[in-house]
């Protein structure tokens, strides 16, 4: 409020009630728009994690198979006495022995987990599965709809059927 002398009264400083209500309303609208996007970002992060683990497993499977073929063919056998041609078959990947079934990593912690350098606890995963199947549930997702599944290689007669790796992200 301006006085006749041109000076401002100390009572005229600050927001009026109307201005305060308008600011609070704008902040509320912005929060209503931003919050769903934040929630979507968490979902996107879980999907990205599932896809990254899937890629890691696929790469590990290819590397283990290549190492195994080299061991069996004798072209470039592993320096260790235990290799893919030994019983039980194992592959040395970066100084760590990986359990092998049908020339691919086994569906175990000592198989695919080690081959893909997975640490389920640190990676925010819950490992599971039985027999020839290994599963990894992504923390925060709806079970079993945020999961990576690894089914180990099988034999069909004398032919080796490659492992099946799948991702379900509908519940992430």
Protein backbone atom coordinates (compact mmCIF):
# COMPACT_ATOMS: atom_id res chain seq x y z
CA UNK A 1 0.00 0.00 0.00
CA UNK A 2 1.45 3.38 -1.03
CA UNK A 3 1.07 6.39 1.23
CA UNK A 4 0.59 10.01 0.00
CA UNK A 5 4.23 10.65 0.80
CA UNK A 6 5.30 7.94 -1.73
CA UNK A 7 6.59 5.53 0.89
CA UNK A 8 5.34 1.96 1.24
CA UNK A 9 3.55 0.89 4.38
CA UNK A 10 4.99 -2.09 6.25
CA UNK A 11 1.54 -3.70 6.14
CA UNK A 12 1.65 -4.08 2.33
CA UNK A 13 4.53 -6.57 2.25
CA UNK A 14 3.90 -10.32 1.57
CA UNK A 15 1.20 -12.35 -0.16
CA UNK A 16 -2.50 -11.68 0.02
CA UNK A 17 -4.77 -14.59 0.86
CA UNK A 18 -5.89 -14.90 -2.77
CA UNK A 19 -2.29 -15.04 -4.02
CA UNK A 20 -1.45 -17.70 -1.43
CA UNK A 21 -4.43 -19.85 -2.48
CA UNK A 22 -3.43 -19.52 -6.16
CA UNK A 23 0.19 -20.56 -5.43
CA UNK A 24 -0.94 -23.58 -3.38
CA UNK A 25 -3.35 -24.60 -6.16
CA UNK A 26 -0.60 -24.39 -8.79
CA UNK A 27 1.75 -26.47 -6.62
CA UNK A 28 -1.01 -29.06 -6.15
CA UNK A 29 -1.62 -29.30 -9.89
CA UNK A 30 2.10 -29.69 -10.59
CA UNK A 31 2.36 -32.44 -7.96
CA UNK A 32 -0.63 -34.26 -9.46
CA UNK A 33 1.06 -34.20 -12.88
CA UNK A 34 4.59 -35.07 -11.69
CA UNK A 35 3.80 -37.90 -9.26
CA UNK A 36 2.50 -40.39 -11.86
CA UNK A 37 5.59 -39.74 -13.96
CA UNK A 38 7.79 -40.55 -10.97
CA UNK A 39 5.93 -43.82 -10.41
CA UNK A 40 6.33 -44.64 -14.11
CA UNK A 41 10.07 -44.03 -13.80
CA UNK A 42 10.31 -46.76 -11.14
CA UNK A 43 8.45 -49.17 -13.43
CA UNK A 44 10.77 -48.26 -16.30
CA UNK A 45 13.78 -48.85 -14.05
CA UNK A 46 12.56 -52.35 -13.12
CA UNK A 47 11.95 -53.17 -16.80
CA UNK A 48 15.43 -51.88 -17.68
CA UNK A 49 16.94 -54.03 -14.91
CA UNK A 50 15.11 -57.13 -16.17
CA UNK A 51 16.30 -56.47 -19.73
CA UNK A 52 19.89 -55.87 -18.56
CA UNK A 53 19.93 -59.18 -16.66
CA UNK A 54 18.46 -60.90 -19.73
CA UNK A 55 21.26 -59.47 -21.89
CA UNK A 56 23.89 -60.48 -19.35
CA UNK A 57 22.60 -64.05 -19.27
CA UNK A 58 22.50 -64.27 -23.09
CA UNK A 59 26.09 -63.05 -23.35
CA UNK A 60 27.27 -65.43 -20.63
CA UNK A 61 25.57 -68.37 -22.36
CA UNK A 62 27.31 -67.56 -25.66
CA UNK A 63 30.71 -67.16 -24.00
CA UNK A 64 30.38 -70.36 -21.97
CA UNK A 65 29.30 -72.32 -25.05
CA UNK A 66 32.28 -70.99 -27.04
CA UNK A 67 34.72 -71.89 -24.27
CA UNK A 68 33.15 -75.33 -23.98
CA UNK A 69 33.45 -76.01 -27.72
CA UNK A 70 37.12 -75.02 -27.62
CA UNK A 71 37.75 -77.38 -24.68
CA UNK A 72 36.00 -80.31 -26.36
CA UNK A 73 37.57 -79.80 -29.80
CA UNK A 74 41.03 -79.61 -28.27
CA UNK A 75 41.86 -76.54 -30.38
CA UNK A 76 42.40 -74.32 -27.35
CA UNK A 77 41.79 -76.38 -24.23
CA UNK A 78 41.54 -74.61 -20.91
CA UNK A 79 44.76 -74.40 -18.94
CA UNK A 80 43.08 -76.11 -15.97
CA UNK A 81 42.66 -79.88 -15.74
CA UNK A 82 38.94 -79.41 -15.14
CA UNK A 83 37.20 -78.21 -18.27
CA UNK A 84 34.17 -78.86 -20.45
CA UNK A 85 35.62 -82.19 -21.61
CA UNK A 86 36.03 -83.45 -18.03
CA UNK A 87 33.42 -85.04 -15.77
CA UNK A 88 31.60 -83.13 -14.37
CA UNK A 89 32.01 -80.53 -17.10
CA UNK A 90 33.05 -77.04 -16.03
CA UNK A 91 34.23 -73.94 -17.85
CA UNK A 92 36.77 -71.43 -16.57
CA UNK A 93 35.35 -67.93 -17.05
CA UNK A 94 37.65 -65.19 -15.76
CA UNK A 95 39.20 -67.52 -13.21
CA UNK A 96 35.86 -68.79 -11.91
CA UNK A 97 34.61 -72.30 -12.60
CA UNK A 98 31.10 -72.51 -14.07
CA UNK A 99 28.99 -75.69 -13.92
CA UNK A 100 28.00 -76.91 -17.39
CA UNK A 101 25.11 -79.07 -18.63
CA UNK A 102 24.93 -80.04 -22.31
CA UNK A 103 27.67 -77.51 -23.17
CA UNK A 104 25.79 -74.57 -21.62
CA UNK A 105 25.73 -73.13 -18.07
CA UNK A 106 23.65 -75.14 -15.60
CA UNK A 107 20.49 -73.59 -14.12
CA UNK A 108 22.14 -73.21 -10.71
CA UNK A 109 23.94 -70.60 -8.64
CA UNK A 110 27.25 -72.25 -9.62
CA UNK A 111 26.15 -72.27 -13.26
CA UNK A 112 24.30 -69.35 -14.82
CA UNK A 113 24.69 -67.01 -11.82
CA UNK A 114 28.48 -67.34 -11.94
CA UNK A 115 28.66 -67.26 -15.75
CA UNK A 116 26.63 -64.03 -15.92
CA UNK A 117 28.44 -62.57 -12.89
CA UNK A 118 25.13 -62.17 -11.07
CA UNK A 119 24.93 -61.38 -7.38
CA UNK A 120 21.17 -61.65 -6.84
CA UNK A 121 21.13 -59.90 -3.46
CA UNK A 122 23.23 -56.95 -4.62
CA UNK A 123 21.42 -56.78 -7.97
CA UNK A 124 17.97 -56.52 -6.35
CA UNK A 125 16.89 -59.97 -7.52
CA UNK A 126 15.29 -62.93 -5.80
CA UNK A 127 16.63 -66.19 -7.26
CA UNK A 128 14.43 -69.25 -7.47
CA UNK A 129 13.43 -72.15 -9.65
CA UNK A 130 13.95 -75.87 -9.36
CA UNK A 131 15.59 -78.58 -11.41
CA UNK A 132 16.46 -77.32 -14.87
CA UNK A 133 14.92 -73.86 -14.43
CA UNK A 134 16.44 -70.81 -12.71
CA UNK A 135 14.33 -67.69 -12.13
CA UNK A 136 15.21 -64.17 -11.05
CA UNK A 137 12.39 -61.98 -9.71
CA UNK A 138 13.06 -58.23 -9.83
CA UNK A 139 12.53 -56.53 -6.45
CA UNK A 140 9.49 -54.26 -6.39
CA UNK A 141 7.70 -56.02 -9.24
CA UNK A 142 4.52 -58.09 -9.06
CA UNK A 143 5.38 -61.79 -8.84
CA UNK A 144 5.67 -63.68 -11.17
CA UNK A 145 5.19 -60.94 -13.75
CA UNK A 146 8.57 -59.24 -13.36
CA UNK A 147 10.89 -62.18 -13.87
CA UNK A 148 13.78 -63.50 -15.94
CA UNK A 149 13.72 -67.27 -16.53
CA UNK A 150 16.61 -69.48 -17.64
CA UNK A 151 15.86 -73.07 -18.69
CA UNK A 152 19.05 -75.04 -19.15
CA UNK A 153 19.98 -76.81 -22.38
CA UNK A 154 18.47 -80.22 -23.07
CA UNK A 155 19.20 -83.16 -25.34
CA UNK A 156 16.82 -84.14 -28.12
CA UNK A 157 18.24 -87.46 -29.22
CA UNK A 158 21.86 -86.53 -29.83
CA UNK A 159 21.15 -82.89 -30.68
CA UNK A 160 21.63 -80.22 -28.04
CA UNK A 161 18.71 -77.83 -27.65
CA UNK A 162 19.98 -74.41 -26.54
CA UNK A 163 18.75 -72.93 -23.27
CA UNK A 164 15.60 -70.83 -23.28
CA UNK A 165 15.93 -67.37 -21.72
CA UNK A 166 12.81 -65.27 -21.28
CA UNK A 167 11.68 -62.04 -19.65
CA UNK A 168 8.21 -61.23 -18.34
CA UNK A 169 7.87 -57.50 -17.62
CA UNK A 170 4.09 -57.00 -17.52
CA UNK A 171 4.18 -56.71 -13.72
CA UNK A 172 7.27 -54.57 -13.35
